[in-house]
All heavy atoms as atom14 arrays in JSON, in Angstrom:
{
  "sequence": "GESTALYPSIYFTQHLSNTTSAALFVRHRILEAMRVAELSKKTVPAPV",
  "atom14_mask": [
    [1, 1, 1, 1, 0, 0, 0, 0, 0, 0, 0, 0, 0, 0],
    [1, 1, 1, 1, 1, 1, 1, 1, 1, 0, 0, 0, 0, 0],
    [1, 1, 1, 1, 1, 1, 0, 0, 0, 0, 0, 0, 0, 0],
    [1, 1, 1, 1, 1, 1, 1, 0, 0, 0, 0, 0, 0, 0],
    [1, 1, 1, 1, 1, 0, 0, 0, 0, 0, 0, 0, 0, 0],
    [1, 1, 1, 1, 1, 1, 1, 1, 0, 0, 0, 0, 0, 0],
    [1, 1, 1, 1, 1, 1, 1, 1, 1, 1, 1, 1, 0, 0],
    [1, 1, 1, 1, 1, 1, 1, 0, 0, 0, 0, 0, 0, 0],
    [1, 1, 1, 1, 1, 1, 0, 0, 0, 0, 0, 0, 0, 0],
    [1, 1, 1, 1, 1, 1, 1, 1, 0, 0, 0, 0, 0, 0],
    [1, 1, 1, 1, 1, 1, 1, 1, 1, 1, 1, 1, 0, 0],
    [1, 1, 1, 1, 1, 1, 1, 1, 1, 1, 1, 0, 0, 0],
    [1, 1, 1, 1, 1, 1, 1, 0, 0, 0, 0, 0, 0, 0],
    [1, 1, 1, 1, 1, 1, 1, 1, 1, 0, 0, 0, 0, 0],
    [1, 1, 1, 1, 1, 1, 1, 1, 1, 1, 0, 0, 0, 0],
    [1, 1, 1, 1, 1, 1, 1, 1, 0, 0, 0, 0, 0, 0],
    [1, 1, 1, 1, 1, 1, 0, 0, 0, 0, 0, 0, 0, 0],
    [1, 1, 1, 1, 1, 1, 1, 1, 0, 0, 0, 0, 0, 0],
    [1, 1, 1, 1, 1, 1, 1, 0, 0, 0, 0, 0, 0, 0],
    [1, 1, 1, 1, 1, 1, 1, 0, 0, 0, 0, 0, 0, 0],
    [1, 1, 1, 1, 1, 1, 0, 0, 0, 0, 0, 0, 0, 0],
    [1, 1, 1, 1, 1, 0, 0, 0, 0, 0, 0, 0, 0, 0],
    [1, 1, 1, 1, 1, 0, 0, 0, 0, 0, 0, 0, 0, 0],
    [1, 1, 1, 1, 1, 1, 1, 1, 0, 0, 0, 0, 0, 0],
    [1, 1, 1, 1, 1, 1, 1, 1, 1, 1, 1, 0, 0, 0],
    [1, 1, 1, 1, 1, 1, 1, 0, 0, 0, 0, 0, 0, 0],
    [1, 1, 1, 1, 1, 1, 1, 1, 1, 1, 1, 0, 0, 0],
    [1, 1, 1, 1, 1, 1, 1, 1, 1, 1, 0, 0, 0, 0],
    [1, 1, 1, 1, 1, 1, 1, 1, 1, 1, 1, 0, 0, 0],
    [1, 1, 1, 1, 1, 1, 1, 1, 0, 0, 0, 0, 0, 0],
    [1, 1, 1, 1, 1, 1, 1, 1, 0, 0, 0, 0, 0, 0],
    [1, 1, 1, 1, 1, 1, 1, 1, 1, 0, 0, 0, 0, 0],
    [1, 1, 1, 1, 1, 0, 0, 0, 0, 0, 0, 0, 0, 0],
    [1, 1, 1, 1, 1, 1, 1, 1, 0, 0, 0, 0, 0, 0],
    [1, 1, 1, 1, 1, 1, 1, 1, 1, 1, 1, 0, 0, 0],
    [1, 1, 1, 1, 1, 1, 1, 0, 0, 0, 0, 0, 0, 0],
    [1, 1, 1, 1, 1, 0, 0, 0, 0, 0, 0, 0, 0, 0],
    [1, 1, 1, 1, 1, 1, 1, 1, 1, 0, 0, 0, 0, 0],
    [1, 1, 1, 1, 1, 1, 1, 1, 0, 0, 0, 0, 0, 0],
    [1, 1, 1, 1, 1, 1, 0, 0, 0, 0, 0, 0, 0, 0],
    [1, 1, 1, 1, 1, 1, 1, 1, 1, 0, 0, 0, 0, 0],
    [1, 1, 1, 1, 1, 1, 1, 1, 1, 0, 0, 0, 0, 0],
    [1, 1, 1, 1, 1, 1, 1, 0, 0, 0, 0, 0, 0, 0],
    [1, 1, 1, 1, 1, 1, 1, 0, 0, 0, 0, 0, 0, 0],
    [1, 1, 1, 1, 1, 1, 1, 0, 0, 0, 0, 0, 0, 0],
    [1, 1, 1, 1, 1, 0, 0, 0, 0, 0, 0, 0, 0, 0],
    [1, 1, 1, 1, 1, 1, 1, 0, 0, 0, 0, 0, 0, 0],
    [1, 1, 1, 1, 1, 1, 1, 0, 0, 0, 0, 0, 0, 0]
  ],
  "atom14_positions": [
    [[0.8, -1.22, 0.0], [0.0, 0.0, 0.0], [0.83, 1.27, 0.0], [0.45, 2.27, -0.6], [0.0, 0.0, 0.0], [0.0, 0.0, 0.0], [0.0, 0.0, 0.0], [0.0, 0.0, 0.0], [0.0, 0.0, 0.0], [0.0, 0.0, 0.0], [0.0, 0.0, 0.0], [0.0, 0.0, 0.0], [0.0, 0.0, 0.0], [0.0, 0.0, 0.0]],
    [[1.98, 1.23, 0.65], [2.84, 2.41, 0.74], [3.78, 2.54, -0.46], [4.21, 3.65, -0.81], [3.69, 2.37, 2.01], [2.91, 2.56, 3.29], [2.28, 3.94, 3.41], [2.68, 4.88, 2.68], [1.36, 4.09, 4.24], [0.0, 0.0, 0.0], [0.0, 0.0, 0.0], [0.0, 0.0, 0.0], [0.0, 0.0, 0.0], [0.0, 0.0, 0.0]],
    [[4.09, 1.45, -1.12], [5.04, 1.48, -2.24], [4.39, 2.1, -3.47], [3.24, 1.79, -3.79], [5.52, 0.07, -2.59], [6.16, -0.55, -1.48], [0.0, 0.0, 0.0], [0.0, 0.0, 0.0], [0.0, 0.0, 0.0], [0.0, 0.0, 0.0], [0.0, 0.0, 0.0], [0.0, 0.0, 0.0], [0.0, 0.0, 0.0], [0.0, 0.0, 0.0]],
    [[5.14, 2.95, -4.15], [4.63, 3.52, -5.4], [5.25, 2.83, -6.62], [4.96, 3.19, -7.76], [4.88, 5.04, -5.46], [6.22, 5.34, -5.07], [3.93, 5.75, -4.51], [0.0, 0.0, 0.0], [0.0, 0.0, 0.0], [0.0, 0.0, 0.0], [0.0, 0.0, 0.0], [0.0, 0.0, 0.0], [0.0, 0.0, 0.0], [0.0, 0.0, 0.0]],
    [[6.1, 1.84, -6.37], [6.62, 0.94, -7.41], [7.15, -0.3, -6.69], [7.49, -0.24, -5.51], [7.72, 1.59, -8.23], [0.0, 0.0, 0.0], [0.0, 0.0, 0.0], [0.0, 0.0, 0.0], [0.0, 0.0, 0.0], [0.0, 0.0, 0.0], [0.0, 0.0, 0.0], [0.0, 0.0, 0.0], [0.0, 0.0, 0.0], [0.0, 0.0, 0.0]],
    [[7.18, -1.41, -7.4], [7.71, -2.66, -6.85], [8.93, -3.08, -7.65], [8.96, -2.94, -8.88], [6.64, -3.75, -6.89], [5.35, -3.47, -6.1], [4.36, -4.6, -6.27], [5.65, -3.23, -4.63], [0.0, 0.0, 0.0], [0.0, 0.0, 0.0], [0.0, 0.0, 0.0], [0.0, 0.0, 0.0], [0.0, 0.0, 0.0], [0.0, 0.0, 0.0]],
    [[9.93, -3.62, -6.93], [11.22, -3.91, -7.55], [11.69, -5.34, -7.24], [12.66, -5.56, -6.52], [12.27, -2.91, -7.07], [11.94, -1.47, -7.4], [11.4, -0.61, -6.44], [12.14, -0.97, -8.67], [11.09, 0.71, -6.75], [11.83, 0.34, -9.0], [11.31, 1.18, -8.02], [10.99, 2.48, -8.34], [0.0, 0.0, 0.0], [0.0, 0.0, 0.0]],
    [[11.0, -6.35, -7.79], [11.44, -7.73, -7.55], [12.74, -8.04, -8.3], [13.07, -7.39, -9.29], [10.28, -8.55, -8.11], [9.71, -7.69, -9.2], [9.83, -6.28, -8.68], [0.0, 0.0, 0.0], [0.0, 0.0, 0.0], [0.0, 0.0, 0.0], [0.0, 0.0, 0.0], [0.0, 0.0, 0.0], [0.0, 0.0, 0.0], [0.0, 0.0, 0.0]],
    [[13.44, -9.04, -7.82], [14.67, -9.5, -8.47], [14.36, -10.74, -9.3], [13.65, -11.64, -8.86], [15.73, -9.83, -7.42], [16.8, -10.55, -8.01], [0.0, 0.0, 0.0], [0.0, 0.0, 0.0], [0.0, 0.0, 0.0], [0.0, 0.0, 0.0], [0.0, 0.0, 0.0], [0.0, 0.0, 0.0], [0.0, 0.0, 0.0], [0.0, 0.0, 0.0]],
    [[14.91, -10.78, -10.52], [14.75, -11.97, -11.36], [16.11, -12.56, -11.75], [16.25, -13.21, -12.77], [13.89, -11.69, -12.62], [14.49, -10.55, -13.46], [12.46, -11.36, -12.23], [13.81, -10.38, -14.81], [0.0, 0.0, 0.0], [0.0, 0.0, 0.0], [0.0, 0.0, 0.0], [0.0, 0.0, 0.0], [0.0, 0.0, 0.0], [0.0, 0.0, 0.0]],
    [[17.13, -12.31, -10.91], [18.43, -12.93, -11.16], [18.27, -14.45, -11.14], [17.53, -14.99, -10.3], [19.43, -12.57, -10.06], [19.72, -11.11, -9.85], [20.48, -10.7, -8.77], [19.25, -10.14, -10.72], [20.77, -9.35, -8.56], [19.53, -8.8, -10.52], [20.3, -8.41, -9.43], [20.58, -7.09, -9.22], [0.0, 0.0, 0.0], [0.0, 0.0, 0.0]],
    [[18.96, -15.15, -12.03], [18.93, -16.61, -11.95], [20.29, -17.21, -12.23], [21.2, -16.55, -12.73], [17.84, -17.21, -12.86], [17.92, -16.84, -14.31], [18.78, -17.49, -15.18], [17.08, -15.86, -14.84], [18.82, -17.18, -16.53], [17.1, -15.53, -16.18], [17.99, -16.2, -17.03], [0.0, 0.0, 0.0], [0.0, 0.0, 0.0], [0.0, 0.0, 0.0]],
    [[20.41, -18.49, -11.88], [21.69, -19.19, -11.99], [21.91, -19.73, -13.4], [20.97, -19.87, -14.18], [21.75, -20.36, -11.0], [20.7, -21.3, -11.33], [21.56, -19.88, -9.56], [0.0, 0.0, 0.0], [0.0, 0.0, 0.0], [0.0, 0.0, 0.0], [0.0, 0.0, 0.0], [0.0, 0.0, 0.0], [0.0, 0.0, 0.0], [0.0, 0.0, 0.0]],
    [[23.14, -20.06, -13.68], [23.5, -20.55, -15.01], [22.84, -21.9, -15.31], [22.66, -22.25, -16.47], [25.02, -20.66, -15.15], [25.48, -20.84, -16.59], [26.97, -20.66, -16.75], [27.72, -20.64, -15.78], [27.42, -20.53, -17.99], [0.0, 0.0, 0.0], [0.0, 0.0, 0.0], [0.0, 0.0, 0.0], [0.0, 0.0, 0.0], [0.0, 0.0, 0.0]],
    [[22.48, -22.62, -14.27], [21.82, -23.91, -14.45], [20.52, -23.76, -15.25], [20.1, -24.69, -15.95], [21.53, -24.53, -13.08], [20.99, -25.93, -13.16], [21.78, -27.01, -13.48], [19.73, -26.41, -12.96], [21.04, -28.1, -13.48], [19.8, -27.78, -13.17], [0.0, 0.0, 0.0], [0.0, 0.0, 0.0], [0.0, 0.0, 0.0], [0.0, 0.0, 0.0]],
    [[19.89, -22.59, -15.17], [18.63, -22.36, -15.88], [18.83, -21.79, -17.28], [17.85, -21.6, -18.01], [17.75, -21.41, -15.07], [17.25, -21.88, -13.71], [16.31, -20.85, -13.11], [16.57, -23.22, -13.81], [0.0, 0.0, 0.0], [0.0, 0.0, 0.0], [0.0, 0.0, 0.0], [0.0, 0.0, 0.0], [0.0, 0.0, 0.0], [0.0, 0.0, 0.0]],
    [[20.06, -21.52, -17.65], [20.33, -20.9, -18.94], [19.77, -21.73, -20.09], [19.92, -22.97, -20.12], [21.84, -20.71, -19.13], [22.11, -20.1, -20.38], [0.0, 0.0, 0.0], [0.0, 0.0, 0.0], [0.0, 0.0, 0.0], [0.0, 0.0, 0.0], [0.0, 0.0, 0.0], [0.0, 0.0, 0.0], [0.0, 0.0, 0.0], [0.0, 0.0, 0.0]],
    [[19.11, -21.06, -21.01], [18.55, -21.68, -22.22], [17.5, -22.74, -21.93], [17.29, -23.65, -22.72], [19.67, -22.28, -23.09], [20.63, -21.24, -23.6], [20.21, -20.18, -24.07], [21.93, -21.51, -23.5], [0.0, 0.0, 0.0], [0.0, 0.0, 0.0], [0.0, 0.0, 0.0], [0.0, 0.0, 0.0], [0.0, 0.0, 0.0], [0.0, 0.0, 0.0]],
    [[16.84, -22.64, -20.78], [15.78, -23.59, -20.44], [14.46, -22.84, -20.23], [14.45, -21.67, -19.86], [16.1, -24.36, -19.15], [16.02, -23.47, -18.02], [17.49, -24.99, -19.21], [0.0, 0.0, 0.0], [0.0, 0.0, 0.0], [0.0, 0.0, 0.0], [0.0, 0.0, 0.0], [0.0, 0.0, 0.0], [0.0, 0.0, 0.0], [0.0, 0.0, 0.0]],
    [[13.36, -23.56, -20.43], [12.05, -22.96, -20.17], [11.84, -22.74, -18.67], [10.99, -21.95, -18.28], [10.92, -23.85, -20.71], [11.06, -25.17, -20.17], [10.97, -23.91, -22.23], [0.0, 0.0, 0.0], [0.0, 0.0, 0.0], [0.0, 0.0, 0.0], [0.0, 0.0, 0.0], [0.0, 0.0, 0.0], [0.0, 0.0, 0.0], [0.0, 0.0, 0.0]],
    [[12.63, -23.44, -17.84], [12.53, -23.24, -16.4], [12.86, -21.8, -16.02], [12.29, -21.24, -15.07], [13.47, -24.19, -15.66], [13.04, -25.54, -15.8], [0.0, 0.0, 0.0], [0.0, 0.0, 0.0], [0.0, 0.0, 0.0], [0.0, 0.0, 0.0], [0.0, 0.0, 0.0], [0.0, 0.0, 0.0], [0.0, 0.0, 0.0], [0.0, 0.0, 0.0]],
    [[13.77, -21.18, -16.76], [14.1, -19.77, -16.51], [12.88, -18.89, -16.74], [12.58, -17.98, -15.95], [15.26, -19.33, -17.4], [0.0, 0.0, 0.0], [0.0, 0.0, 0.0], [0.0, 0.0, 0.0], [0.0, 0.0, 0.0], [0.0, 0.0, 0.0], [0.0, 0.0, 0.0], [0.0, 0.0, 0.0], [0.0, 0.0, 0.0], [0.0, 0.0, 0.0]],
    [[12.15, -19.15, -17.82], [10.95, -18.38, -18.12], [9.89, -18.58, -17.03], [9.22, -17.63, -16.62], [10.39, -18.78, -19.48], [0.0, 0.0, 0.0], [0.0, 0.0, 0.0], [0.0, 0.0, 0.0], [0.0, 0.0, 0.0], [0.0, 0.0, 0.0], [0.0, 0.0, 0.0], [0.0, 0.0, 0.0], [0.0, 0.0, 0.0], [0.0, 0.0, 0.0]],
    [[9.74, -19.82, -16.54], [8.77, -20.1, -15.48], [9.17, -19.4, -14.19], [8.31, -18.87, -13.46], [8.67, -21.61, -15.26], [8.08, -22.41, -16.41], [8.19, -23.9, -16.12], [6.63, -22.03, -16.66], [0.0, 0.0, 0.0], [0.0, 0.0, 0.0], [0.0, 0.0, 0.0], [0.0, 0.0, 0.0], [0.0, 0.0, 0.0], [0.0, 0.0, 0.0]],
    [[10.45, -19.41, -13.89], [10.97, -18.74, -12.69], [10.65, -17.25, -12.73], [10.09, -16.69, -11.78], [12.48, -18.97, -12.62], [13.18, -18.16, -11.57], [13.12, -18.52, -10.24], [13.92, -17.04, -11.92], [13.78, -17.77, -9.26], [14.59, -16.29, -10.97], [14.51, -16.65, -9.63], [0.0, 0.0, 0.0], [0.0, 0.0, 0.0], [0.0, 0.0, 0.0]],
    [[10.97, -16.61, -13.83], [10.72, -15.18, -13.98], [9.23, -14.89, -14.04], [8.73, -13.95, -13.39], [11.42, -14.64, -15.25], [11.0, -13.2, -15.54], [12.94, -14.73, -15.1], [0.0, 0.0, 0.0], [0.0, 0.0, 0.0], [0.0, 0.0, 0.0], [0.0, 0.0, 0.0], [0.0, 0.0, 0.0], [0.0, 0.0, 0.0], [0.0, 0.0, 0.0]],
    [[8.5, -15.7, -14.78], [7.07, -15.48, -14.96], [6.33, -15.35, -13.63], [5.57, -14.41, -13.41], [6.47, -16.63, -15.77], [4.97, -16.54, -16.0], [4.49, -17.7, -16.87], [5.2, -17.7, -18.14], [5.15, -18.71, -19.01], [4.42, -19.79, -18.74], [5.82, -18.64, -20.15], [0.0, 0.0, 0.0], [0.0, 0.0, 0.0], [0.0, 0.0, 0.0]],
    [[6.59, -16.28, -12.74], [5.83, -16.3, -11.5], [6.32, -15.25, -10.51], [5.56, -14.82, -9.63], [5.82, -17.7, -10.91], [4.97, -18.64, -11.71], [3.59, -18.64, -11.64], [5.29, -19.57, -12.66], [3.1, -19.54, -12.49], [4.11, -20.11, -13.11], [0.0, 0.0, 0.0], [0.0, 0.0, 0.0], [0.0, 0.0, 0.0], [0.0, 0.0, 0.0]],
    [[7.55, -14.8, -10.65], [8.0, -13.68, -9.83], [7.33, -12.37, -10.26], [6.91, -11.57, -9.43], [9.52, -13.54, -9.92], [10.24, -14.67, -9.21], [11.72, -14.44, -9.04], [12.13, -15.24, -7.89], [12.94, -14.84, -6.94], [13.45, -13.63, -6.98], [13.24, -15.63, -5.93], [0.0, 0.0, 0.0], [0.0, 0.0, 0.0], [0.0, 0.0, 0.0]],
    [[7.22, -12.18, -11.56], [6.54, -10.98, -12.07], [5.05, -11.04, -11.74], [4.46, -10.05, -11.3], [6.75, -10.84, -13.59], [8.24, -10.68, -13.92], [5.95, -9.66, -14.13], [8.88, -9.44, -13.35], [0.0, 0.0, 0.0], [0.0, 0.0, 0.0], [0.0, 0.0, 0.0], [0.0, 0.0, 0.0], [0.0, 0.0, 0.0], [0.0, 0.0, 0.0]],
    [[4.45, -12.21, -11.92], [3.02, -12.35, -11.62], [2.73, -12.09, -10.14], [1.71, -11.49, -9.79], [2.54, -13.75, -12.01], [2.39, -14.02, -13.51], [2.09, -15.49, -13.76], [1.29, -13.15, -14.11], [0.0, 0.0, 0.0], [0.0, 0.0, 0.0], [0.0, 0.0, 0.0], [0.0, 0.0, 0.0], [0.0, 0.0, 0.0], [0.0, 0.0, 0.0]],
    [[3.62, -12.54, -9.26], [3.43, -12.3, -7.84], [3.52, -10.81, -7.53], [2.76, -10.27, -6.71], [4.44, -13.08, -7.01], [4.35, -12.89, -5.5], [3.04, -13.39, -4.89], [2.14, -13.88, -5.63], [2.89, -13.28, -3.66], [0.0, 0.0, 0.0], [0.0, 0.0, 0.0], [0.0, 0.0, 0.0], [0.0, 0.0, 0.0], [0.0, 0.0, 0.0]],
    [[4.45, -10.12, -8.2], [4.55, -8.67, -8.03], [3.28, -7.97, -8.53], [2.77, -7.06, -7.87], [5.78, -8.14, -8.76], [0.0, 0.0, 0.0], [0.0, 0.0, 0.0], [0.0, 0.0, 0.0], [0.0, 0.0, 0.0], [0.0, 0.0, 0.0], [0.0, 0.0, 0.0], [0.0, 0.0, 0.0], [0.0, 0.0, 0.0], [0.0, 0.0, 0.0]],
    [[2.78, -8.41, -9.66], [1.55, -7.83, -10.19], [0.37, -8.12, -9.26], [-0.5, -7.27, -9.06], [1.25, -8.4, -11.59], [2.39, -8.26, -12.59], [2.62, -6.6, -13.21], [1.37, -6.53, -14.47], [0.0, 0.0, 0.0], [0.0, 0.0, 0.0], [0.0, 0.0, 0.0], [0.0, 0.0, 0.0], [0.0, 0.0, 0.0], [0.0, 0.0, 0.0]],
    [[0.37, -9.31, -8.66], [-0.72, -9.68, -7.75], [-0.73, -8.81, -6.5], [-1.79, -8.29, -6.12], [-0.59, -11.16, -7.35], [-1.75, -11.67, -6.51], [-1.48, -13.06, -5.97], [-0.5, -13.02, -4.88], [-0.79, -12.75, -3.6], [-2.04, -12.46, -3.25], [0.15, -12.76, -2.69], [0.0, 0.0, 0.0], [0.0, 0.0, 0.0], [0.0, 0.0, 0.0]],
    [[0.42, -8.67, -5.86], [0.44, -7.9, -4.61], [0.19, -6.42, -4.89], [-0.35, -5.7, -4.03], [1.75, -8.1, -3.82], [1.96, -9.57, -3.48], [2.95, -7.52, -4.54], [0.0, 0.0, 0.0], [0.0, 0.0, 0.0], [0.0, 0.0, 0.0], [0.0, 0.0, 0.0], [0.0, 0.0, 0.0], [0.0, 0.0, 0.0], [0.0, 0.0, 0.0]],
    [[0.57, -5.96, -6.08], [0.28, -4.57, -6.44], [-1.23, -4.32, -6.46], [-1.71, -3.24, -6.12], [0.89, -4.23, -7.79], [0.0, 0.0, 0.0], [0.0, 0.0, 0.0], [0.0, 0.0, 0.0], [0.0, 0.0, 0.0], [0.0, 0.0, 0.0], [0.0, 0.0, 0.0], [0.0, 0.0, 0.0], [0.0, 0.0, 0.0], [0.0, 0.0, 0.0]],
    [[-1.99, -5.34, -6.86], [-3.45, -5.23, -6.91], [-4.07, -5.24, -5.51], [-5.17, -4.73, -5.32], [-4.03, -6.39, -7.72], [-3.63, -6.4, -9.19], [-4.55, -5.54, -10.04], [-5.47, -4.92, -9.47], [-4.34, -5.49, -11.26], [0.0, 0.0, 0.0], [0.0, 0.0, 0.0], [0.0, 0.0, 0.0], [0.0, 0.0, 0.0], [0.0, 0.0, 0.0]],
    [[-3.37, -5.81, -4.52], [-3.93, -5.95, -3.17], [-4.22, -4.61, -2.52], [-5.11, -4.51, -1.67], [-2.98, -6.75, -2.28], [-2.79, -8.24, -2.6], [-1.79, -8.86, -1.62], [-4.12, -8.98, -2.54], [0.0, 0.0, 0.0], [0.0, 0.0, 0.0], [0.0, 0.0, 0.0], [0.0, 0.0, 0.0], [0.0, 0.0, 0.0], [0.0, 0.0, 0.0]],
    [[-3.46, -3.59, -2.9], [-3.62, -2.29, -2.25], [-4.9, -1.57, -2.66], [-5.27, -0.57, -2.05], [-2.42, -1.4, -2.58], [-2.39, -1.1, -3.96], [0.0, 0.0, 0.0], [0.0, 0.0, 0.0], [0.0, 0.0, 0.0], [0.0, 0.0, 0.0], [0.0, 0.0, 0.0], [0.0, 0.0, 0.0], [0.0, 0.0, 0.0], [0.0, 0.0, 0.0]],
    [[-5.59, -2.09, -3.68], [-6.86, -1.52, -4.15], [-6.71, -0.08, -4.66], [-7.66, 0.7, -4.64], [-7.93, -1.56, -3.05], [-8.19, -2.93, -2.45], [-8.7, -3.91, -3.49], [-9.0, -5.25, -2.84], [-9.47, -6.26, -3.85], [0.0, 0.0, 0.0], [0.0, 0.0, 0.0], [0.0, 0.0, 0.0], [0.0, 0.0, 0.0], [0.0, 0.0, 0.0]],
    [[-5.5, 0.26, -5.12], [-5.32, 1.57, -5.71], [-6.04, 1.63, -7.06], [-6.26, 0.6, -7.7], [-3.84, 1.86, -5.91], [-3.03, 1.94, -4.61], [-1.55, 2.11, -4.91], [-0.73, 2.13, -3.63], [0.73, 2.21, -3.9], [0.0, 0.0, 0.0], [0.0, 0.0, 0.0], [0.0, 0.0, 0.0], [0.0, 0.0, 0.0], [0.0, 0.0, 0.0]],
    [[-6.37, 2.83, -7.5], [-7.04, 2.98, -8.79], [-6.2, 2.36, -9.9], [-6.71, 1.64, -10.77], [-7.27, 4.47, -9.11], [-7.99, 5.06, -8.03], [-8.06, 4.63, -10.4], [0.0, 0.0, 0.0], [0.0, 0.0, 0.0], [0.0, 0.0, 0.0], [0.0, 0.0, 0.0], [0.0, 0.0, 0.0], [0.0, 0.0, 0.0], [0.0, 0.0, 0.0]],
    [[-4.9, 2.63, -9.87], [-3.96, 2.0, -10.79], [-2.87, 1.36, -9.95], [-2.24, 2.04, -9.13], [-3.35, 3.02, -11.77], [-2.31, 2.36, -12.66], [-4.44, 3.66, -12.63], [0.0, 0.0, 0.0], [0.0, 0.0, 0.0], [0.0, 0.0, 0.0], [0.0, 0.0, 0.0], [0.0, 0.0, 0.0], [0.0, 0.0, 0.0], [0.0, 0.0, 0.0]],
    [[-2.62, 0.06, -10.09], [-1.61, -0.61, -9.27], [-0.22, -0.03, -9.48], [0.08, 0.54, -10.53], [-1.68, -2.07, -9.75], [-3.01, -2.21, -10.4], [-3.31, -0.87, -11.0], [0.0, 0.0, 0.0], [0.0, 0.0, 0.0], [0.0, 0.0, 0.0], [0.0, 0.0, 0.0], [0.0, 0.0, 0.0], [0.0, 0.0, 0.0], [0.0, 0.0, 0.0]],
    [[0.62, -0.16, -8.47], [2.0, 0.31, -8.57], [2.71, -0.42, -9.71], [2.53, -1.62, -9.89], [2.74, 0.05, -7.26], [0.0, 0.0, 0.0], [0.0, 0.0, 0.0], [0.0, 0.0, 0.0], [0.0, 0.0, 0.0], [0.0, 0.0, 0.0], [0.0, 0.0, 0.0], [0.0, 0.0, 0.0], [0.0, 0.0, 0.0], [0.0, 0.0, 0.0]],
    [[3.51, 0.29, -10.52], [4.24, -0.36, -11.61], [5.32, -1.29, -11.08], [5.84, -1.11, -9.97], [4.85, 0.82, -12.37], [4.97, 1.9, -11.34], [3.78, 1.73, -10.43], [0.0, 0.0, 0.0], [0.0, 0.0, 0.0], [0.0, 0.0, 0.0], [0.0, 0.0, 0.0], [0.0, 0.0, 0.0], [0.0, 0.0, 0.0], [0.0, 0.0, 0.0]],
    [[5.66, -2.28, -11.87], [6.66, -3.28, -11.5], [7.9, -3.1, -12.38], [7.8, -3.12, -13.62], [6.11, -4.71, -11.67], [7.21, -5.75, -11.43], [4.93, -4.94, -10.72], [0.0, 0.0, 0.0], [0.0, 0.0, 0.0], [0.0, 0.0, 0.0], [0.0, 0.0, 0.0], [0.0, 0.0, 0.0], [0.0, 0.0, 0.0], [0.0, 0.0, 0.0]]
  ]
}
């Protein structure tokens, strides 16, 4: 509610390089940021 932007980290290890697992890892981190941004019930959610 207090944040006017969210700054998640999507750093990943070399083990995930060139794999779809990297996309899944990043995808759900971004989606979680988008989800919690919606929790504050602001007219427009905080950008990620």
